[in-house]
């Protein structure tokens, strides 16, 4: 999560609990500070090695993309955010 927080430039002053998956999910579905884009791409290099000592946590993070983040940006944003618009959110996994 910390690497993703850095990649998306989540402001440090608004993300106070970096160990909370709920707080992370809130901010990754906000992104108002970079709202000028029509979509988002996250490239994860060395995916096989990423968190190899923490496979359970790696699975949780990847599940969050599939179950929470992708659906939000694809459709839920239209119903939950005032003037919200659907945007592409892609994660490229590179070994």
PDB file of N, CA and C in Angstrom:
ATOM      1  N   UNK A   1       0.822  -1.195   0.000  1.00  0.00           N
ATOM      2  CA  UNK A   1       0.000   0.000   0.000  1.00  0.00           C
ATOM      3  C   UNK A   1       0.863   1.254   0.000  1.00  0.00           C
ATOM      4  N   UNK A   2       1.970   1.221   0.719  1.00  0.00           N
ATOM      5  CA  UNK A   2       2.805   2.418   0.790  1.00  0.00           C
ATOM      6  C   UNK A   2       3.340   2.816  -0.575  1.00  0.00           C
ATOM      7  N   UNK A   3       3.730   1.836  -1.397  1.00  0.00           N
ATOM      8  CA  UNK A   3       4.215   2.149  -2.740  1.00  0.00           C
ATOM      9  C   UNK A   3       3.101   2.745  -3.598  1.00  0.00           C
ATOM     10  N   UNK A   4       1.887   2.255  -3.438  1.00  0.00           N
ATOM     11  CA  UNK A   4       0.756   2.783  -4.196  1.00  0.00           C
ATOM     12  C   UNK A   4       0.411   4.193  -3.719  1.00  0.00           C
ATOM     13  N   UNK A   5       0.511   4.421  -2.424  1.00  0.00           N
ATOM     14  CA  UNK A   5       0.283   5.757  -1.861  1.00  0.00           C
ATOM     15  C   UNK A   5       1.256   6.745  -2.482  1.00  0.00           C
ATOM     16  N   UNK A   6       2.505   6.331  -2.628  1.00  0.00           N
ATOM     17  CA  UNK A   6       3.519   7.195  -3.243  1.00  0.00           C
ATOM     18  C   UNK A   6       3.229   7.386  -4.725  1.00  0.00           C
ATOM     19  N   UNK A   7       2.900   6.305  -5.441  1.00  0.00           N
ATOM     20  CA  UNK A   7       2.663   6.381  -6.881  1.00  0.00           C
ATOM     21  C   UNK A   7       1.515   7.316  -7.226  1.00  0.00           C
ATOM     22  N   UNK A   8       0.464   7.304  -6.428  1.00  0.00           N
ATOM     23  CA  UNK A   8      -0.689   8.147  -6.693  1.00  0.00           C
ATOM     24  C   UNK A   8      -0.635   9.473  -5.945  1.00  0.00           C
ATOM     25  N   UNK A   9       0.494   9.723  -5.302  1.00  0.00           N
ATOM     26  CA  UNK A   9       0.731  10.994  -4.617  1.00  0.00           C
ATOM     27  C   UNK A   9      -0.391  11.337  -3.646  1.00  0.00           C
ATOM     28  N   UNK A  10      -0.845  10.325  -2.917  1.00  0.00           N
ATOM     29  CA  UNK A  10      -1.874  10.560  -1.913  1.00  0.00           C
ATOM     30  C   UNK A  10      -1.272  11.489  -0.857  1.00  0.00           C
ATOM     31  N   UNK A  11      -1.870  12.654  -0.657  1.00  0.00           N
ATOM     32  CA  UNK A  11      -1.292  13.631   0.274  1.00  0.00           C
ATOM     33  C   UNK A  11      -1.099  13.052   1.671  1.00  0.00           C
ATOM     34  N   UNK A  12       0.100  13.219   2.204  1.00  0.00           N
ATOM     35  CA  UNK A  12       0.425  12.661   3.518  1.00  0.00           C
ATOM     36  C   UNK A  12      -0.459  13.217   4.619  1.00  0.00           C
ATOM     37  N   UNK A  13      -0.837  14.474   4.499  1.00  0.00           N
ATOM     38  CA  UNK A  13      -1.636  15.087   5.566  1.00  0.00           C
ATOM     39  C   UNK A  13      -3.067  14.556   5.622  1.00  0.00           C
ATOM     40  N   UNK A  14      -3.535  13.883   4.555  1.00  0.00           N
ATOM     41  CA  UNK A  14      -4.892  13.346   4.600  1.00  0.00           C
ATOM     42  C   UNK A  14      -4.921  11.843   4.803  1.00  0.00           C
ATOM     43  N   UNK A  15      -3.783  11.202   4.685  1.00  0.00           N
ATOM     44  CA  UNK A  15      -3.733   9.752   4.849  1.00  0.00           C
ATOM     45  C   UNK A  15      -2.946   9.472   6.118  1.00  0.00           C
ATOM     46  N   UNK A  16      -3.653   9.438   7.230  1.00  0.00           N
ATOM     47  CA  UNK A  16      -2.976   9.345   8.521  1.00  0.00           C
ATOM     48  C   UNK A  16      -2.771   7.917   8.997  1.00  0.00           C
ATOM     49  N   UNK A  17      -3.556   6.960   8.511  1.00  0.00           N
ATOM     50  CA  UNK A  17      -3.425   5.583   8.975  1.00  0.00           C
ATOM     51  C   UNK A  17      -3.022   4.699   7.803  1.00  0.00           C
ATOM     52  N   UNK A  18      -1.709   4.585   7.558  1.00  0.00           N
ATOM     53  CA  UNK A  18      -1.219   3.847   6.398  1.00  0.00           C
ATOM     54  C   UNK A  18      -1.364   2.347   6.556  1.00  0.00           C
ATOM     55  N   UNK A  19      -1.788   1.876   7.707  1.00  0.00           N
ATOM     56  CA  UNK A  19      -1.984   0.446   7.908  1.00  0.00           C
ATOM     57  C   UNK A  19      -3.436   0.026   7.726  1.00  0.00           C
ATOM     58  N   UNK A  20      -4.288   0.936   7.393  1.00  0.00           N
ATOM     59  CA  UNK A  20      -5.708   0.640   7.283  1.00  0.00           C
ATOM     60  C   UNK A  20      -6.105   0.410   5.830  1.00  0.00           C
ATOM     61  N   UNK A  21      -6.559  -0.795   5.511  1.00  0.00           N
ATOM     62  CA  UNK A  21      -7.019  -1.091   4.157  1.00  0.00           C
ATOM     63  C   UNK A  21      -8.256  -0.265   3.828  1.00  0.00           C
ATOM     64  N   UNK A  22      -9.080   0.028   4.822  1.00  0.00           N
ATOM     65  CA  UNK A  22     -10.275   0.850   4.588  1.00  0.00           C
ATOM     66  C   UNK A  22      -9.894   2.275   4.202  1.00  0.00           C
ATOM     67  N   UNK A  23      -8.939   2.847   4.902  1.00  0.00           N
ATOM     68  CA  UNK A  23      -8.492   4.204   4.575  1.00  0.00           C
ATOM     69  C   UNK A  23      -7.851   4.226   3.189  1.00  0.00           C
ATOM     70  N   UNK A  24      -7.039   3.231   2.888  1.00  0.00           N
ATOM     71  CA  UNK A  24      -6.419   3.117   1.565  1.00  0.00           C
ATOM     72  C   UNK A  24      -7.499   3.051   0.484  1.00  0.00           C
ATOM     73  N   UNK A  25      -8.507   2.210   0.677  1.00  0.00           N
ATOM     74  CA  UNK A  25      -9.589   2.086  -0.304  1.00  0.00           C
ATOM     75  C   UNK A  25     -10.345   3.395  -0.478  1.00  0.00           C
ATOM     76  N   UNK A  26     -10.552   4.122   0.601  1.00  0.00           N
ATOM     77  CA  UNK A  26     -11.219   5.421   0.497  1.00  0.00           C
ATOM     78  C   UNK A  26     -10.434   6.364  -0.407  1.00  0.00           C
ATOM     79  N   UNK A  27      -9.128   6.454  -0.199  1.00  0.00           N
ATOM     80  CA  UNK A  27      -8.330   7.418  -0.951  1.00  0.00           C
ATOM     81  C   UNK A  27      -8.076   6.974  -2.383  1.00  0.00           C
ATOM     82  N   UNK A  28      -7.929   5.679  -2.634  1.00  0.00           N
ATOM     83  CA  UNK A  28      -7.694   5.216  -4.000  1.00  0.00           C
ATOM     84  C   UNK A  28      -8.969   5.351  -4.838  1.00  0.00           C
ATOM     85  N   UNK A  29     -10.111   5.525  -4.166  1.00  0.00           N
ATOM     86  CA  UNK A  29     -11.369   5.783  -4.868  1.00  0.00           C
ATOM     87  C   UNK A  29     -11.731   7.264  -4.831  1.00  0.00           C
ATOM     88  N   UNK A  30     -10.839   8.095  -4.385  1.00  0.00           N
ATOM     89  CA  UNK A  30     -11.059   9.535  -4.354  1.00  0.00           C
ATOM     90  C   UNK A  30     -10.235  10.169  -5.484  1.00  0.00           C
ATOM     91  N   UNK A  31      -8.965  10.283  -5.278  1.00  0.00           N
ATOM     92  CA  UNK A  31      -8.015  10.806  -6.269  1.00  0.00           C
ATOM     93  C   UNK A  31      -8.383  12.183  -6.808  1.00  0.00           C
ATOM     94  N   UNK A  32      -9.105  12.992  -6.019  1.00  0.00           N
ATOM     95  CA  UNK A  32      -9.497  14.327  -6.477  1.00  0.00           C
ATOM     96  C   UNK A  32      -8.296  15.237  -6.724  1.00  0.00           C
ATOM     97  N   UNK A  33      -7.184  14.992  -6.069  1.00  0.00           N
ATOM     98  CA  UNK A  33      -5.997  15.824  -6.250  1.00  0.00           C
ATOM     99  C   UNK A  33      -5.341  15.567  -7.604  1.00  0.00           C
ATOM    100  N   UNK A  34      -5.716  14.496  -8.309  1.00  0.00           N
ATOM    101  CA  UNK A  34      -5.223  14.249  -9.659  1.00  0.00           C
ATOM    102  C   UNK A  34      -6.409  14.009 -10.595  1.00  0.00           C
ATOM    103  N   UNK A  35      -7.485  14.711 -10.373  1.00  0.00           N
ATOM    104  CA  UNK A  35      -8.748  14.486 -11.078  1.00  0.00           C
ATOM    105  C   UNK A  35      -8.714  14.893 -12.543  1.00  0.00           C
ATOM    106  N   UNK A  36      -7.674  15.553 -12.990  1.00  0.00           N
ATOM    107  CA  UNK A  36      -7.638  16.039 -14.367  1.00  0.00           C
ATOM    108  C   UNK A  36      -7.449  14.916 -15.383  1.00  0.00           C
ATOM    109  N   UNK A  37      -7.209  13.701 -14.939  1.00  0.00           N
ATOM    110  CA  UNK A  37      -6.981  12.585 -15.852  1.00  0.00           C
ATOM    111  C   UNK A  37      -8.276  11.837 -16.164  1.00  0.00           C
ATOM    112  N   UNK A  38      -8.304  11.225 -17.340  1.00  0.00           N
ATOM    113  CA  UNK A  38      -9.470  10.441 -17.759  1.00  0.00           C
ATOM    114  C   UNK A  38      -9.407   9.000 -17.275  1.00  0.00           C
ATOM    115  N   UNK A  39      -8.308   8.617 -16.686  1.00  0.00           N
ATOM    116  CA  UNK A  39      -8.141   7.267 -16.170  1.00  0.00           C
ATOM    117  C   UNK A  39      -6.805   7.149 -15.465  1.00  0.00           C
ATOM    118  N   UNK A  40      -6.567   5.993 -14.919  1.00  0.00           N
ATOM    119  CA  UNK A  40      -5.366   5.783 -14.115  1.00  0.00           C
ATOM    120  C   UNK A  40      -4.718   4.458 -14.493  1.00  0.00           C
ATOM    121  N   UNK A  41      -3.394   4.439 -14.499  1.00  0.00           N
ATOM    122  CA  UNK A  41      -2.639   3.218 -14.769  1.00  0.00           C
ATOM    123  C   UNK A  41      -1.603   3.060 -13.668  1.00  0.00           C
ATOM    124  N   UNK A  42      -1.590   1.893 -13.078  1.00  0.00           N
ATOM    125  CA  UNK A  42      -0.586   1.545 -12.084  1.00  0.00           C
ATOM    126  C   UNK A  42       0.230   0.398 -12.661  1.00  0.00           C
ATOM    127  N   UNK A  43       1.530   0.585 -12.772  1.00  0.00           N
ATOM    128  CA  UNK A  43       2.416  -0.460 -13.281  1.00  0.00           C
ATOM    129  C   UNK A  43       3.176  -1.038 -12.101  1.00  0.00           C
ATOM    130  N   UNK A  44       3.029  -2.326 -11.896  1.00  0.00           N
ATOM    131  CA  UNK A  44       3.744  -3.010 -10.823  1.00  0.00           C
ATOM    132  C   UNK A  44       4.815  -3.871 -11.466  1.00  0.00           C
ATOM    133  N   UNK A  45       6.064  -3.476 -11.302  1.00  0.00           N
ATOM    134  CA  UNK A  45       7.185  -4.232 -11.840  1.00  0.00           C
ATOM    135  C   UNK A  45       7.621  -5.296 -10.831  1.00  0.00           C
ATOM    136  N   UNK A  46       8.219  -6.338 -11.340  1.00  0.00           N
ATOM    137  CA  UNK A  46       8.691  -7.441 -10.495  1.00  0.00           C
ATOM    138  C   UNK A  46       7.559  -8.011  -9.647  1.00  0.00           C
ATOM    139  N   UNK A  47       6.431  -8.228 -10.294  1.00  0.00           N
ATOM    140  CA  UNK A  47       5.239  -8.661  -9.574  1.00  0.00           C
ATOM    141  C   UNK A  47       5.452  -9.973  -8.821  1.00  0.00           C
ATOM    142  N   UNK A  48       6.163 -10.911  -9.399  1.00  0.00           N
ATOM    143  CA  UNK A  48       6.381 -12.197  -8.725  1.00  0.00           C
ATOM    144  C   UNK A  48       7.138 -12.011  -7.414  1.00  0.00           C
ATOM    145  N   UNK A  49       8.095 -11.092  -7.395  1.00  0.00           N
ATOM    146  CA  UNK A  49       8.863 -10.843  -6.173  1.00  0.00           C
ATOM    147  C   UNK A  49       8.144  -9.932  -5.193  1.00  0.00           C
ATOM    148  N   UNK A  50       7.206  -9.144  -5.702  1.00  0.00           N
ATOM    149  CA  UNK A  50       6.503  -8.190  -4.845  1.00  0.00           C
ATOM    150  C   UNK A  50       5.862  -8.925  -3.669  1.00  0.00           C
ATOM    151  N   UNK A  51       6.236  -8.524  -2.500  1.00  0.00           N
ATOM    152  CA  UNK A  51       5.648  -9.051  -1.263  1.00  0.00           C
ATOM    153  C   UNK A  51       5.730 -10.587  -1.185  1.00  0.00           C
ATOM    154  N   UNK A  52       6.779 -11.164  -1.757  1.00  0.00           N
ATOM    155  CA  UNK A  52       6.896 -12.624  -1.766  1.00  0.00           C
ATOM    156  C   UNK A  52       6.930 -13.212  -0.353  1.00  0.00           C
ATOM    157  N   UNK A  53       7.345 -12.433   0.607  1.00  0.00           N
ATOM    158  CA  UNK A  53       7.344 -12.893   2.004  1.00  0.00           C
ATOM    159  C   UNK A  53       5.975 -12.723   2.663  1.00  0.00           C
ATOM    160  N   UNK A  54       5.072 -12.051   1.970  1.00  0.00           N
ATOM    161  CA  UNK A  54       3.740 -11.779   2.511  1.00  0.00           C
ATOM    162  C   UNK A  54       2.662 -12.133   1.482  1.00  0.00           C
ATOM    163  N   UNK A  55       2.562 -13.396   1.099  1.00  0.00           N
ATOM    164  CA  UNK A  55       1.603 -13.766   0.047  1.00  0.00           C
ATOM    165  C   UNK A  55       0.148 -13.492   0.420  1.00  0.00           C
ATOM    166  N   UNK A  56      -0.198 -13.635   1.681  1.00  0.00           N
ATOM    167  CA  UNK A  56      -1.581 -13.376   2.095  1.00  0.00           C
ATOM    168  C   UNK A  56      -1.935 -11.908   1.883  1.00  0.00           C
ATOM    169  N   UNK A  57      -1.064 -11.007   2.318  1.00  0.00           N
ATOM    170  CA  UNK A  57      -1.305  -9.576   2.174  1.00  0.00           C
ATOM    171  C   UNK A  57      -1.304  -9.165   0.705  1.00  0.00           C
ATOM    172  N   UNK A  58      -0.432  -9.787  -0.095  1.00  0.00           N
ATOM    173  CA  UNK A  58      -0.403  -9.518  -1.533  1.00  0.00           C
ATOM    174  C   UNK A  58      -1.748  -9.897  -2.151  1.00  0.00           C
ATOM    175  N   UNK A  59      -2.269 -11.034  -1.761  1.00  0.00           N
ATOM    176  CA  UNK A  59      -3.573 -11.474  -2.252  1.00  0.00           C
ATOM    177  C   UNK A  59      -4.678 -10.521  -1.861  1.00  0.00           C
ATOM    178  N   UNK A  60      -4.623 -10.019  -0.639  1.00  0.00           N
ATOM    179  CA  UNK A  60      -5.636  -9.061  -0.170  1.00  0.00           C
ATOM    180  C   UNK A  60      -5.599  -7.793  -1.025  1.00  0.00           C
ATOM    181  N   UNK A  61      -4.407  -7.282  -1.270  1.00  0.00           N
ATOM    182  CA  UNK A  61      -4.270  -6.062  -2.072  1.00  0.00           C
ATOM    183  C   UNK A  61      -4.805  -6.282  -3.480  1.00  0.00           C
ATOM    184  N   UNK A  62      -4.459  -7.406  -4.096  1.00  0.00           N
ATOM    185  CA  UNK A  62      -4.939  -7.678  -5.448  1.00  0.00           C
ATOM    186  C   UNK A  62      -6.450  -7.897  -5.460  1.00  0.00           C
ATOM    187  N   UNK A  63      -6.986  -8.547  -4.427  1.00  0.00           N
ATOM    188  CA  UNK A  63      -8.438  -8.713  -4.315  1.00  0.00           C
ATOM    189  C   UNK A  63      -9.142  -7.362  -4.209  1.00  0.00           C
ATOM    190  N   UNK A  64      -8.542  -6.431  -3.513  1.00  0.00           N
ATOM    191  CA  UNK A  64      -9.134  -5.099  -3.373  1.00  0.00           C
ATOM    192  C   UNK A  64      -9.269  -4.412  -4.725  1.00  0.00           C
ATOM    193  N   UNK A  65      -8.285  -4.609  -5.597  1.00  0.00           N
ATOM    194  CA  UNK A  65      -8.411  -4.047  -6.942  1.00  0.00           C
ATOM    195  C   UNK A  65      -9.612  -4.653  -7.651  1.00  0.00           C
ATOM    196  N   UNK A  66      -9.707  -5.981  -7.646  1.00  0.00           N
ATOM    197  CA  UNK A  66     -10.786  -6.669  -8.363  1.00  0.00           C
ATOM    198  C   UNK A  66     -12.163  -6.393  -7.771  1.00  0.00           C
ATOM    199  N   UNK A  67     -12.262  -6.389  -6.460  1.00  0.00           N
ATOM    200  CA  UNK A  67     -13.571  -6.353  -5.801  1.00  0.00           C
ATOM    201  C   UNK A  67     -14.041  -4.949  -5.405  1.00  0.00           C
ATOM    202  N   UNK A  68     -13.113  -4.027  -5.236  1.00  0.00           N
ATOM    203  CA  UNK A  68     -13.475  -2.708  -4.726  1.00  0.00           C
ATOM    204  C   UNK A  68     -13.102  -1.577  -5.679  1.00  0.00           C
ATOM    205  N   UNK A  69     -11.856  -1.534  -6.098  1.00  0.00           N
ATOM    206  CA  UNK A  69     -11.354  -0.379  -6.849  1.00  0.00           C
ATOM    207  C   UNK A  69     -11.840  -0.369  -8.287  1.00  0.00           C
ATOM    208  N   UNK A  70     -11.685  -1.482  -9.025  1.00  0.00           N
ATOM    209  CA  UNK A  70     -12.164  -1.536 -10.409  1.00  0.00           C
ATOM    210  C   UNK A  70     -13.663  -1.244 -10.511  1.00  0.00           C
ATOM    211  N   UNK A  71     -14.503  -1.938  -9.716  1.00  0.00           N
ATOM    212  CA  UNK A  71     -15.954  -1.669  -9.823  1.00  0.00           C
ATOM    213  C   UNK A  71     -16.309  -0.217  -9.508  1.00  0.00           C
ATOM    214  N   UNK A  72     -15.597   0.372  -8.568  1.00  0.00           N
ATOM    215  CA  UNK A  72     -15.883   1.766  -8.237  1.00  0.00           C
ATOM    216  C   UNK A  72     -15.656   2.662  -9.436  1.00  0.00           C
ATOM    217  N   UNK A  73     -14.462   2.589 -10.038  1.00  0.00           N
ATOM    218  CA  UNK A  73     -14.139   3.486 -11.138  1.00  0.00           C
ATOM    219  C   UNK A  73     -14.905   3.154 -12.410  1.00  0.00           C
ATOM    220  N   UNK A  74     -15.349   1.932 -12.547  1.00  0.00           N
ATOM    221  CA  UNK A  74     -16.102   1.542 -13.735  1.00  0.00           C
ATOM    222  C   UNK A  74     -17.549   2.022 -13.683  1.00  0.00           C
ATOM    223  N   UNK A  75     -18.177   1.938 -12.501  1.00  0.00           N
ATOM    224  CA  UNK A  75     -19.610   2.219 -12.448  1.00  0.00           C
ATOM    225  C   UNK A  75     -20.071   2.913 -11.165  1.00  0.00           C
ATOM    226  N   UNK A  76     -19.589   2.473 -10.029  1.00  0.00           N
ATOM    227  CA  UNK A  76     -20.101   2.983  -8.753  1.00  0.00           C
ATOM    228  C   UNK A  76     -19.902   4.477  -8.593  1.00  0.00           C
ATOM    229  N   UNK A  77     -18.829   5.014  -9.164  1.00  0.00           N
ATOM    230  CA  UNK A  77     -18.555   6.445  -9.058  1.00  0.00           C
ATOM    231  C   UNK A  77     -19.715   7.276  -9.615  1.00  0.00           C
ATOM    232  N   UNK A  78     -20.410   6.725 -10.590  1.00  0.00           N
ATOM    233  CA  UNK A  78     -21.550   7.440 -11.187  1.00  0.00           C
ATOM    234  C   UNK A  78     -22.696   7.627 -10.204  1.00  0.00           C
ATOM    235  N   UNK A  79     -22.798   6.719  -9.239  1.00  0.00           N
ATOM    236  CA  UNK A  79     -23.923   6.718  -8.306  1.00  0.00           C
ATOM    237  C   UNK A  79     -23.570   7.229  -6.911  1.00  0.00           C
ATOM    238  N   UNK A  80     -22.289   7.382  -6.641  1.00  0.00           N
ATOM    239  CA  UNK A  80     -21.888   7.729  -5.278  1.00  0.00           C
ATOM    240  C   UNK A  80     -21.167   9.070  -5.154  1.00  0.00           C
ATOM    241  N   UNK A  81     -20.744   9.642  -6.263  1.00  0.00           N
ATOM    242  CA  UNK A  81     -19.998  10.898  -6.239  1.00  0.00           C
ATOM    243  C   UNK A  81     -20.781  11.935  -7.038  1.00  0.00           C
ATOM    244  N   UNK A  82     -20.966  13.117  -6.464  1.00  0.00           N
ATOM    245  CA  UNK A  82     -21.640  14.196  -7.180  1.00  0.00           C
ATOM    246  C   UNK A  82     -20.837  14.518  -8.438  1.00  0.00           C
ATOM    247  N   UNK A  83     -21.500  14.492  -9.563  1.00  0.00           N
ATOM    248  CA  UNK A  83     -20.860  14.720 -10.865  1.00  0.00           C
ATOM    249  C   UNK A  83     -19.748  13.712 -11.156  1.00  0.00           C
ATOM    250  N   UNK A  84     -19.825  12.546 -10.541  1.00  0.00           N
ATOM    251  CA  UNK A  84     -18.810  11.520 -10.760  1.00  0.00           C
ATOM    252  C   UNK A  84     -18.870  10.977 -12.171  1.00  0.00           C
ATOM    253  N   UNK A  85     -17.710  10.613 -12.697  1.00  0.00           N
ATOM    254  CA  UNK A  85     -17.677  10.024 -14.026  1.00  0.00           C
ATOM    255  C   UNK A  85     -16.787   8.786 -14.011  1.00  0.00           C
ATOM    256  N   UNK A  86     -17.182   7.809 -14.797  1.00  0.00           N
ATOM    257  CA  UNK A  86     -16.422   6.569 -14.888  1.00  0.00           C
ATOM    258  C   UNK A  86     -15.061   6.846 -15.519  1.00  0.00           C
ATOM    259  N   UNK A  87     -14.059   6.162 -15.021  1.00  0.00           N
ATOM    260  CA  UNK A  87     -12.701   6.306 -15.541  1.00  0.00           C
ATOM    261  C   UNK A  87     -12.071   4.928 -15.598  1.00  0.00           C
ATOM    262  N   UNK A  88     -11.165   4.766 -16.520  1.00  0.00           N
ATOM    263  CA  UNK A  88     -10.416   3.519 -16.562  1.00  0.00           C
ATOM    264  C   UNK A  88      -9.431   3.457 -15.413  1.00  0.00           C
ATOM    265  N   UNK A  89      -9.297   2.310 -14.831  1.00  0.00           N
ATOM    266  CA  UNK A  89      -8.297   2.094 -13.788  1.00  0.00           C
ATOM    267  C   UNK A  89      -7.648   0.760 -14.111  1.00  0.00           C
ATOM    268  N   UNK A  90      -6.401   0.814 -14.537  1.00  0.00           N
ATOM    269  CA  UNK A  90      -5.704  -0.370 -14.999  1.00  0.00           C
ATOM    270  C   UNK A  90      -4.482  -0.638 -14.151  1.00  0.00           C
ATOM    271  N   UNK A  91      -4.228  -1.904 -13.901  1.00  0.00           N
ATOM    272  CA  UNK A  91      -3.020  -2.326 -13.207  1.00  0.00           C
ATOM    273  C   UNK A  91      -2.289  -3.282 -14.131  1.00  0.00           C
ATOM    274  N   UNK A  92      -1.081  -2.911 -14.515  1.00  0.00           N
ATOM    275  CA  UNK A  92      -0.246  -3.762 -15.350  1.00  0.00           C
ATOM    276  C   UNK A  92       0.754  -4.475 -14.455  1.00  0.00           C
ATOM    277  N   UNK A  93       0.785  -5.791 -14.550  1.00  0.00           N
ATOM    278  CA  UNK A  93       1.693  -6.595 -13.742  1.00  0.00           C
ATOM    279  C   UNK A  93       2.832  -7.070 -14.626  1.00  0.00           C
ATOM    280  N   UNK A  94       4.041  -6.692 -14.277  1.00  0.00           N
ATOM    281  CA  UNK A  94       5.219  -7.013 -15.083  1.00  0.00           C
ATOM    282  C   UNK A  94       6.207  -7.798 -14.228  1.00  0.00           C
ATOM    283  N   UNK A  95       6.697  -8.894 -14.791  1.00  0.00           N
ATOM    284  CA  UNK A  95       7.741  -9.667 -14.084  1.00  0.00           C
ATOM    285  C   UNK A  95       9.104  -9.171 -14.444  1.00  0.00           C
TER     286      UNK A  95
END
